Structure formats: structure tokens, C-alpha cells
C-alpha atoms as a PDB file:
ATOM      1  CA  TYR A   1       2.448 -36.753  -2.487  1.00  0.00           C
ATOM      2  CA  LEU A   2       1.860 -35.515  -6.026  1.00  0.00           C
ATOM      3  CA  LEU A   3       5.496 -34.599  -6.734  1.00  0.00           C
ATOM      4  CA  GLY A   4       7.129 -37.101  -4.400  1.00  0.00           C
ATOM      5  CA  THR A   5       9.243 -36.492  -1.313  1.00  0.00           C
ATOM      6  CA  ASP A   6      12.823 -35.491  -0.616  1.00  0.00           C
ATOM      7  CA  GLY A   7      15.440 -37.598   1.169  1.00  0.00           C
ATOM      8  CA  PHE A   8      13.886 -36.768   4.550  1.00  0.00           C
ATOM      9  CA  GLY A   9      10.343 -37.677   3.533  1.00  0.00           C
ATOM     10  CA  HIS A  10       9.141 -34.069   3.190  1.00  0.00           C
ATOM     11  CA  ASP A  11       6.532 -33.265   0.542  1.00  0.00           C
ATOM     12  CA  VAL A  12       8.185 -31.672  -2.509  1.00  0.00           C
ATOM     13  CA  LEU A  13       5.058 -29.831  -3.710  1.00  0.00           C
ATOM     14  CA  SER A  14       4.557 -28.031  -0.394  1.00  0.00           C
ATOM     15  CA  GLN A  15       8.239 -27.040  -0.355  1.00  0.00           C
ATOM     16  CA  ILE A  16       8.034 -25.679  -3.910  1.00  0.00           C
ATOM     17  CA  LEU A  17       4.968 -23.611  -3.017  1.00  0.00           C
ATOM     18  CA  HIS A  18       6.582 -22.341   0.185  1.00  0.00           C
ATOM     19  CA  ALA A  19       9.815 -21.500  -1.650  1.00  0.00           C
ATOM     20  CA  CYS A  20       7.824 -19.482  -4.191  1.00  0.00           C
ATOM     21  CA  ARG A  21       7.109 -16.907  -1.491  1.00  0.00           C
ATOM     22  CA  LEU A  22      10.809 -16.555  -0.686  1.00  0.00           C
ATOM     23  CA  SER A  23      11.932 -16.195  -4.306  1.00  0.00           C
ATOM     24  CA  ILE A  24       9.262 -13.695  -5.306  1.00  0.00           C
ATOM     25  CA  SER A  25       9.767 -11.672  -2.102  1.00  0.00           C
ATOM     26  CA  ILE A  26      13.492 -11.392  -2.801  1.00  0.00           C
ATOM     27  CA  GLY A  27      12.768 -10.446  -6.410  1.00  0.00           C
ATOM     28  CA  LEU A  28      10.209  -7.758  -5.578  1.00  0.00           C
ATOM     29  CA  VAL A  29      11.970  -6.170  -2.592  1.00  0.00           C
ATOM     30  CA  SER A  30      15.445  -6.126  -4.149  1.00  0.00           C
ATOM     31  CA  THR A  31      13.998  -4.662  -7.349  1.00  0.00           C
ATOM     32  CA  GLY A  32      12.156  -2.035  -5.324  1.00  0.00           C
ATOM     33  CA  ILE A  33      15.439  -1.019  -3.697  1.00  0.00           C
ATOM     34  CA  ALA A  34      17.249  -0.992  -7.048  1.00  0.00           C
ATOM     35  CA  VAL A  35      14.555   1.064  -8.777  1.00  0.00           C
ATOM     36  CA  SER A  36      14.379   3.586  -5.910  1.00  0.00           C
ATOM     37  CA  ILE A  37      18.135   4.191  -5.992  1.00  0.00           C
ATOM     38  CA  GLY A  38      18.342   4.094  -9.783  1.00  0.00           C
ATOM     39  CA  VAL A  39      15.477   6.508 -10.367  1.00  0.00           C
ATOM     40  CA  THR A  40      16.884   9.002  -7.850  1.00  0.00           C
ATOM     41  CA  VAL A  41      20.404   8.923  -9.294  1.00  0.00           C
ATOM     42  CA  GLY A  42      19.154   8.904 -12.890  1.00  0.00           C
ATOM     43  CA  ALA A  43      16.817  11.828 -12.225  1.00  0.00           C
ATOM     44  CA  LEU A  44      19.674  13.928 -10.848  1.00  0.00           C
ATOM     45  CA  MET A  45      21.908  13.047 -13.817  1.00  0.00           C
ATOM     46  CA  GLY A  46      19.266  13.824 -16.408  1.00  0.00           C
ATOM     47  CA  TYR A  47      17.965  16.995 -14.791  1.00  0.00           C
ATOM     48  CA  PHE A  48      21.246  18.726 -14.008  1.00  0.00           C
ATOM     49  CA  GLY A  49      23.517  17.347 -16.739  1.00  0.00           C
ATOM     50  CA  GLY A  50      27.024  18.809 -16.886  1.00  0.00           C
ATOM     51  CA  TRP A  51      29.486  17.860 -14.159  1.00  0.00           C
ATOM     52  CA  VAL A  52      26.757  16.285 -12.011  1.00  0.00           C
ATOM     53  CA  ASP A  53      25.903  13.925 -14.852  1.00  0.00           C
ATOM     54  CA  LEU A  54      29.577  13.194 -15.520  1.00  0.00           C
ATOM     55  CA  LEU A  55      30.377  12.447 -11.877  1.00  0.00           C
ATOM     56  CA  LEU A  56      27.331  10.288 -11.182  1.00  0.00           C
ATOM     57  CA  TYR A  57      27.741   8.390 -14.446  1.00  0.00           C
ATOM     58  CA  ARG A  58      31.223   7.366 -13.334  1.00  0.00           C
ATOM     59  CA  VAL A  59      29.627   6.008 -10.153  1.00  0.00           C
ATOM     60  CA  VAL A  60      27.105   4.100 -12.284  1.00  0.00           C
ATOM     61  CA  GLU A  61      29.917   2.557 -14.318  1.00  0.00           C
ATOM     62  CA  ILE A  62      31.741   1.481 -11.157  1.00  0.00           C
ATOM     63  CA  PHE A  63      28.638  -0.294  -9.837  1.00  0.00           C
ATOM     64  CA  MET A  64      28.017  -1.916 -13.218  1.00  0.00           C
ATOM     65  CA  ALA A  65      31.500  -3.453 -13.034  1.00  0.00           C
ATOM     66  CA  VAL A  66      30.789  -5.143  -9.683  1.00  0.00           C
ATOM     67  CA  PRO A  67      29.958  -8.883 -10.078  1.00  0.00           C
ATOM     68  CA  VAL A  68      26.866  -9.207  -7.890  1.00  0.00           C
ATOM     69  CA  LEU A  69      26.947 -12.997  -7.629  1.00  0.00           C
ATOM     70  CA  PHE A  70      30.582 -12.999  -6.501  1.00  0.00           C
ATOM     71  CA  LEU A  71      29.788 -10.276  -3.962  1.00  0.00           C
ATOM     72  CA  LEU A  72      26.901 -12.341  -2.577  1.00  0.00           C
ATOM     73  CA  ILE A  73      29.138 -15.401  -2.264  1.00  0.00           C
ATOM     74  CA  VAL A  74      31.694 -13.363  -0.296  1.00  0.00           C
ATOM     75  CA  ALA A  75      28.942 -11.804   1.835  1.00  0.00           C
ATOM     76  CA  ALA A  76      27.593 -15.266   2.682  1.00  0.00           C
ATOM     77  CA  GLY A  77      30.885 -16.000   4.403  1.00  0.00           C
ATOM     78  CA  VAL A  78      31.124 -12.815   6.475  1.00  0.00           C
ATOM     79  CA  LEU A  79      27.517 -11.655   6.997  1.00  0.00           C
ATOM     80  CA  PRO A  80      24.427 -13.376   8.412  1.00  0.00           C
ATOM     81  CA  ARG A  81      22.853 -15.584   5.770  1.00  0.00           C
ATOM     82  CA  ASN A  82      19.320 -14.267   5.817  1.00  0.00           C
ATOM     83  CA  THR A  83      16.776 -12.945   3.354  1.00  0.00           C
ATOM     84  CA  TYR A  84      17.226  -9.281   4.258  1.00  0.00           C
ATOM     85  CA  VAL A  85      20.970  -9.253   3.606  1.00  0.00           C
ATOM     86  CA  MET A  86      20.411 -10.853   0.206  1.00  0.00           C
ATOM     87  CA  MET A  87      17.667  -8.365  -0.677  1.00  0.00           C
ATOM     88  CA  ALA A  88      19.846  -5.420   0.346  1.00  0.00           C
ATOM     89  CA  ILE A  89      22.933  -6.551  -1.578  1.00  0.00           C
ATOM     90  CA  ILE A  90      21.040  -7.400  -4.763  1.00  0.00           C
ATOM     91  CA  GLY A  91      19.099  -4.139  -4.605  1.00  0.00           C
ATOM     92  CA  CYS A  92      22.102  -1.940  -3.839  1.00  0.00           C
ATOM     93  CA  PHE A  93      24.177  -3.294  -6.725  1.00  0.00           C
ATOM     94  CA  THR A  94      21.638  -3.740  -9.534  1.00  0.00           C
ATOM     95  CA  TRP A  95      20.317  -0.183  -9.794  1.00  0.00           C
ATOM     96  CA  PRO A  96      22.587   1.166 -12.605  1.00  0.00           C
ATOM     97  CA  THR A  97      20.290   0.066 -15.453  1.00  0.00           C
ATOM     98  CA  ALA A  98      17.331   1.873 -13.871  1.00  0.00           C
ATOM     99  CA  ALA A  99      19.544   4.946 -13.465  1.00  0.00           C
ATOM    100  CA  ARG A 100      20.542   4.887 -17.136  1.00  0.00           C
ATOM    101  CA  PHE A 101      16.947   4.581 -18.347  1.00  0.00           C
ATOM    102  CA  THR A 102      15.802   7.388 -16.046  1.00  0.00           C
ATOM    103  CA  ARG A 103      18.712   9.604 -17.111  1.00  0.00           C
ATOM    104  CA  ALA A 104      17.847   9.150 -20.785  1.00  0.00           C
ATOM    105  CA  GLU A 105      14.204  10.075 -20.203  1.00  0.00           C
ATOM    106  CA  PHE A 106      15.001  13.086 -18.033  1.00  0.00           C
ATOM    107  CA  LEU A 107      17.492  14.423 -20.574  1.00  0.00           C
ATOM    108  CA  LYS A 108      14.611  14.525 -23.063  1.00  0.00           C
ATOM    109  CA  LEU A 109      12.135  15.994 -20.591  1.00  0.00           C
ATOM    110  CA  ARG A 110      14.184  18.696 -18.891  1.00  0.00           C
ATOM    111  CA  ASN A 111      13.690  21.219 -21.720  1.00  0.00           C
ATOM    112  CA  GLN A 112       9.967  20.583 -22.096  1.00  0.00           C
ATOM    113  CA  ASP A 113       7.583  23.466 -21.452  1.00  0.00           C
ATOM    114  CA  PHE A 114       5.937  21.924 -18.390  1.00  0.00           C
ATOM    115  CA  VAL A 115       9.336  21.534 -16.698  1.00  0.00           C
ATOM    116  CA  GLN A 116      10.326  25.104 -17.480  1.00  0.00           C
ATOM    117  CA  SER A 117       6.969  26.304 -16.155  1.00  0.00           C
ATOM    118  CA  ALA A 118       7.494  24.359 -12.925  1.00  0.00           C
ATOM    119  CA  LYS A 119      10.913  26.005 -12.534  1.00  0.00           C
ATOM    120  CA  SER A 120       9.561  29.476 -13.216  1.00  0.00           C
ATOM    121  CA  VAL A 121       6.919  29.276 -10.481  1.00  0.00           C
ATOM    122  CA  GLY A 122       9.569  28.215  -7.968  1.00  0.00           C
ATOM    123  CA  LEU A 123       8.514  24.646  -7.268  1.00  0.00           C
ATOM    124  CA  PRO A 124      11.011  22.699  -5.135  1.00  0.00           C
ATOM    125  CA  LEU A 125      13.400  20.347  -6.908  1.00  0.00           C
ATOM    126  CA  ARG A 126      11.807  17.253  -5.386  1.00  0.00           C
ATOM    127  CA  SER A 127       8.412  18.240  -6.746  1.00  0.00           C
ATOM    128  CA  ILE A 128       9.784  18.920 -10.232  1.00  0.00           C
ATOM    129  CA  LEU A 129      11.669  15.631 -10.402  1.00  0.00           C
ATOM    130  CA  PHE A 130       9.234  13.195  -8.852  1.00  0.00           C
ATOM    131  CA  LYS A 131       5.820  14.796  -9.254  1.00  0.00           C
ATOM    132  CA  HIS A 132       6.090  16.297 -12.737  1.00  0.00           C
ATOM    133  CA  MET A 133       8.948  14.624 -14.627  1.00  0.00           C
ATOM    134  CA  LEU A 134       8.960  11.075 -13.265  1.00  0.00           C
ATOM    135  CA  PRO A 135       5.380  10.152 -14.289  1.00  0.00           C
ATOM    136  CA  ASN A 136       6.315  11.063 -17.868  1.00  0.00           C
ATOM    137  CA  GLY A 137       9.544   9.051 -17.889  1.00  0.00           C
ATOM    138  CA  VAL A 138       8.936   6.034 -15.679  1.00  0.00           C
ATOM    139  CA  THR A 139       7.735   3.573 -18.333  1.00  0.00           C
ATOM    140  CA  PRO A 140      11.169   2.277 -19.469  1.00  0.00           C
ATOM    141  CA  VAL A 141      12.073   1.772 -15.811  1.00  0.00           C
ATOM    142  CA  LEU A 142       9.033  -0.469 -15.343  1.00  0.00           C
ATOM    143  CA  VAL A 143      10.261  -2.629 -18.220  1.00  0.00           C
ATOM    144  CA  ASP A 144      13.699  -2.860 -16.632  1.00  0.00           C
ATOM    145  CA  ALA A 145      12.130  -3.709 -13.259  1.00  0.00           C
ATOM    146  CA  SER A 146      10.491  -6.792 -14.728  1.00  0.00           C
ATOM    147  CA  PHE A 147      13.858  -8.090 -15.946  1.00  0.00           C
ATOM    148  CA  LEU A 148      15.473  -7.223 -12.601  1.00  0.00           C
ATOM    149  CA  ILE A 149      12.910  -9.330 -10.734  1.00  0.00           C
ATOM    150  CA  ALA A 150      13.691 -12.305 -12.967  1.00  0.00           C
ATOM    151  CA  ALA A 151      17.439 -11.828 -12.473  1.00  0.00           C
ATOM    152  CA  ALA A 152      17.064 -11.580  -8.678  1.00  0.00           C
ATOM    153  CA  ILE A 153      15.022 -14.799  -8.532  1.00  0.00           C
ATOM    154  CA  LEU A 154      17.654 -16.586 -10.598  1.00  0.00           C
ATOM    155  CA  THR A 155      20.455 -15.221  -8.410  1.00  0.00           C
ATOM    156  CA  GLU A 156      18.750 -16.475  -5.243  1.00  0.00           C
ATOM    157  CA  ALA A 157      18.284 -19.912  -6.810  1.00  0.00           C
ATOM    158  CA  VAL A 158      21.975 -20.114  -7.749  1.00  0.00           C
ATOM    159  CA  LEU A 159      23.097 -19.134  -4.246  1.00  0.00           C
ATOM    160  CA  SER A 160      20.730 -21.605  -2.604  1.00  0.00           C
ATOM    161  CA  PHE A 161      21.938 -24.335  -4.953  1.00  0.00           C
ATOM    162  CA  LEU A 162      25.478 -23.591  -3.752  1.00  0.00           C
ATOM    163  CA  ALA A 163      24.209 -23.846  -0.129  1.00  0.00           C
ATOM    164  CA  LEU A 164      24.849 -20.113   0.365  1.00  0.00           C
ATOM    165  CA  GLY A 165      21.243 -18.929   0.417  1.00  0.00           C
ATOM    166  CA  PRO A 166      19.099 -17.883   3.396  1.00  0.00           C
ATOM    167  CA  ALA A 167      19.531 -20.424   6.191  1.00  0.00           C
ATOM    168  CA  GLY A 168      16.585 -22.422   7.495  1.00  0.00           C
ATOM    169  CA  GLN A 169      14.201 -21.632   4.629  1.00  0.00           C
ATOM    170  CA  ALA A 170      12.914 -23.773   1.794  1.00  0.00           C
ATOM    171  CA  SER A 171      14.065 -22.613  -1.623  1.00  0.00           C
ATOM    172  CA  TRP A 172      14.072 -23.910  -5.165  1.00  0.00           C
ATOM    173  CA  GLY A 173      17.864 -23.911  -5.274  1.00  0.00           C
ATOM    174  CA  LYS A 174      18.088 -26.076  -2.146  1.00  0.00           C
ATOM    175  CA  LEU A 175      15.676 -28.581  -3.650  1.00  0.00           C
ATOM    176  CA  LEU A 176      17.828 -28.744  -6.775  1.00  0.00           C
ATOM    177  CA  ASN A 177      20.886 -29.284  -4.601  1.00  0.00           C
ATOM    178  CA  SER A 178      19.207 -32.177  -2.796  1.00  0.00           C
ATOM    179  CA  ALA A 179      18.519 -33.992  -6.077  1.00  0.00           C
ATOM    180  CA  THR A 180      21.777 -35.864  -5.529  1.00  0.00           C
ATOM    181  CA  GLY A 181      21.261 -38.222  -2.615  1.00  0.00           C
ATOM    182  CA  GLU A 182      23.797 -38.969   0.090  1.00  0.00           C
ATOM    183  CA  ALA A 183      24.631 -42.333  -1.494  1.00  0.00           C
ATOM    184  CA  GLY A 184      25.193 -40.702  -4.876  1.00  0.00           C
ATOM    185  CA  SER A 185      21.723 -41.564  -6.182  1.00  0.00           C
ATOM    186  CA  PHE A 186      19.921 -39.080  -8.433  1.00  0.00           C
ATOM    187  CA  LEU A 187      16.373 -38.117  -7.408  1.00  0.00           C
ATOM    188  CA  TRP A 188      15.120 -36.811 -10.742  1.00  0.00           C
ATOM    189  CA  TRP A 189      11.895 -35.260  -9.393  1.00  0.00           C
ATOM    190  CA  LEU A 190      13.945 -32.962  -7.133  1.00  0.00           C
ATOM    191  CA  ALA A 191      15.741 -31.662 -10.210  1.00  0.00           C
ATOM    192  CA  VAL A 192      12.836 -31.479 -12.651  1.00  0.00           C
ATOM    193  CA  PHE A 193      10.034 -29.882 -10.631  1.00  0.00           C
ATOM    194  CA  PRO A 194      11.997 -27.137  -8.778  1.00  0.00           C
ATOM    195  CA  GLY A 195      13.918 -26.457 -12.001  1.00  0.00           C
ATOM    196  CA  LEU A 196      10.629 -26.113 -13.850  1.00  0.00           C
ATOM    197  CA  ALA A 197       9.356 -23.693 -11.195  1.00  0.00           C
ATOM    198  CA  ILE A 198      12.465 -21.517 -11.623  1.00  0.00           C
ATOM    199  CA  PHE A 199      12.212 -21.665 -15.417  1.00  0.00           C
ATOM    200  CA  LEU A 200       8.520 -20.744 -15.571  1.00  0.00           C
ATOM    201  CA  THR A 201       8.814 -17.910 -13.045  1.00  0.00           C
ATOM    202  CA  VAL A 202      11.830 -16.321 -14.726  1.00  0.00           C
ATOM    203  CA  LEU A 203      10.226 -16.808 -18.148  1.00  0.00           C
ATOM    204  CA  ALA A 204       7.000 -15.157 -16.964  1.00  0.00           C
ATOM    205  CA  TYR A 205       8.756 -12.012 -15.744  1.00  0.00           C
ATOM    206  CA  ASN A 206      10.868 -11.837 -18.904  1.00  0.00           C
ATOM    207  CA  LEU A 207       7.733 -12.121 -21.047  1.00  0.00           C
ATOM    208  CA  ILE A 208       6.101  -9.354 -19.016  1.00  0.00           C
ATOM    209  CA  GLY A 209       9.144  -7.183 -19.703  1.00  0.00           C
ATOM    210  CA  GLU A 210       9.022  -8.004 -23.418  1.00  0.00           C
ATOM    211  CA  ALA A 211       5.299  -7.196 -23.565  1.00  0.00           C
ATOM    212  CA  LEU A 212       5.792  -3.868 -21.800  1.00  0.00           C
ATOM    213  CA  ARG A 213       8.661  -2.988 -24.141  1.00  0.00           C
ATOM    214  CA  ASP A 214       6.563  -3.808 -27.216  1.00  0.00           C
ATOM    215  CA  ALA A 215       3.685  -1.739 -25.841  1.00  0.00           C
ATOM    216  CA  ILE A 216       5.987   1.237 -25.287  1.00  0.00           C
ATOM    217  CA  ASP A 217       7.694   1.038 -28.681  1.00  0.00           C
ATOM    218  CA  PRO A 218       5.786  -1.027 -31.285  1.00  0.00           C
ATOM    219  CA  LYS A 219       8.591  -0.344 -33.793  1.00  0.00           C
ATOM    220  CA  LEU A 220      10.832  -2.795 -31.891  1.00  0.00           C
ATOM    221  CA  LYS A 221       8.249  -5.549 -32.327  1.00  0.00           C
ATOM    222  CA  LYS A 222       7.944  -4.856 -36.060  1.00  0.00           C
ATOM    223  CA  ALA A 223      11.739  -4.872 -36.412  1.00  0.00           C
ATOM    224  CA  ARG A 224      11.982  -8.331 -34.797  1.00  0.00           C
ATOM    225  CA  VAL A 225       9.228  -9.675 -37.044  1.00  0.00           C
END
């Protein structure tokens, strides 16, 4: 056992590797849900502007004010504690940033010649938004998606540490929680190795986001230097 065992004699390394699948799945699926909702809402705001933009932006602000972690804690008490519920809640309440980025890009694109040409030939709205405008404005959303994945992984770890994560599945947060033995003893390897896995995974996705942002706008990198 390279990384030792837990209080029940189970191999820690195999649990960390198995929990990696759970954390990354929650991060990817919840981010996919968030980006899908955010891009759709942001596209409508940026394309139409006016009262549509005003109304939908108020909705965005309402969702931004919702504390996702608190909502997940409440949901753990009234809904089944499984992976799909967690994915759905995280995804349905973390889309506002994607909506804001998409809105900003579409506000710049809606008066471009290729958009006006698409309107003039009578293309359907869905085609204009998602076939012509979205490919030209999706890059900032990809940057945001990387940070959303990291945040979702961290959220799942916190909930599992509080014993409110998906039931019956190995997770990094549960391993951290089990670092304190029943007799009050501290099993340091159950705190260090799962904690290191969380740290490195979240750091990796944040670095990917930083790299994408620097690639999109090199001026930001020069300003930090």
C-alpha cells in the first residue's frame, strides 16, 4: 500500500484514483450544463439588447446572488444524495458568468457585416446565434469554463468533507473527513494525499484558464508582468 490504508484497511491510493473519476465527472458535466444555459441566455441578451437584455440581466443578477454551497447543503437534506442531483444544482446555478461573457461578445458582434448579411437573407434566429455568431464569441466562455470546472470540483470536495456528498461513492472529501480516527487519532496520510489531489487538480484547471486568457489577450499578461 503505497499511500497507506484508511481506518477500515482499504487502500488509500486506489480510493484516490477512483474518486478522481467522480470529481472530474461532476466538474465536466456541471460545467457543461452551466455553459449551455449561460451561452443561450447570454446570446439572447447580446443579440436583442433593449428590454430583453434588461429583463434577462435581472435574472442573471438573481442567480448570481444565490449561494450555491448553501443551496447544496439544503438540497442534501431534502433530495436524494447522488451525483446527478449535485451536477444539476451546480450547473443550474453557476451559469451567470458564462452568460455575461457571451452577452459582451454578442453585443460587439451583432452589428458586424456577417451578422447583418445573415439577417438579410432570412436565416433563422438559431442559425444566426449558434452557427454564425457563437464561433466568433465563444473563446472567453472557454476560459470561464475552465474556472467553473475547478470550482465544481472544490465544491464537491467540501460537501463530501461535510458528509453531504454523493452516498456510497469514494471521494477526496470523504477521505479528508476520515483523517480523524474514531478514537480522536489523526491519520496524516488521509489528510495530505487527498488534499494534495484536490490542490493539484484545481490548480491545473486554474492554470489552463490562465493560459487560455493570456492566449486570448496577451496585453493582460504584459500588464501583470
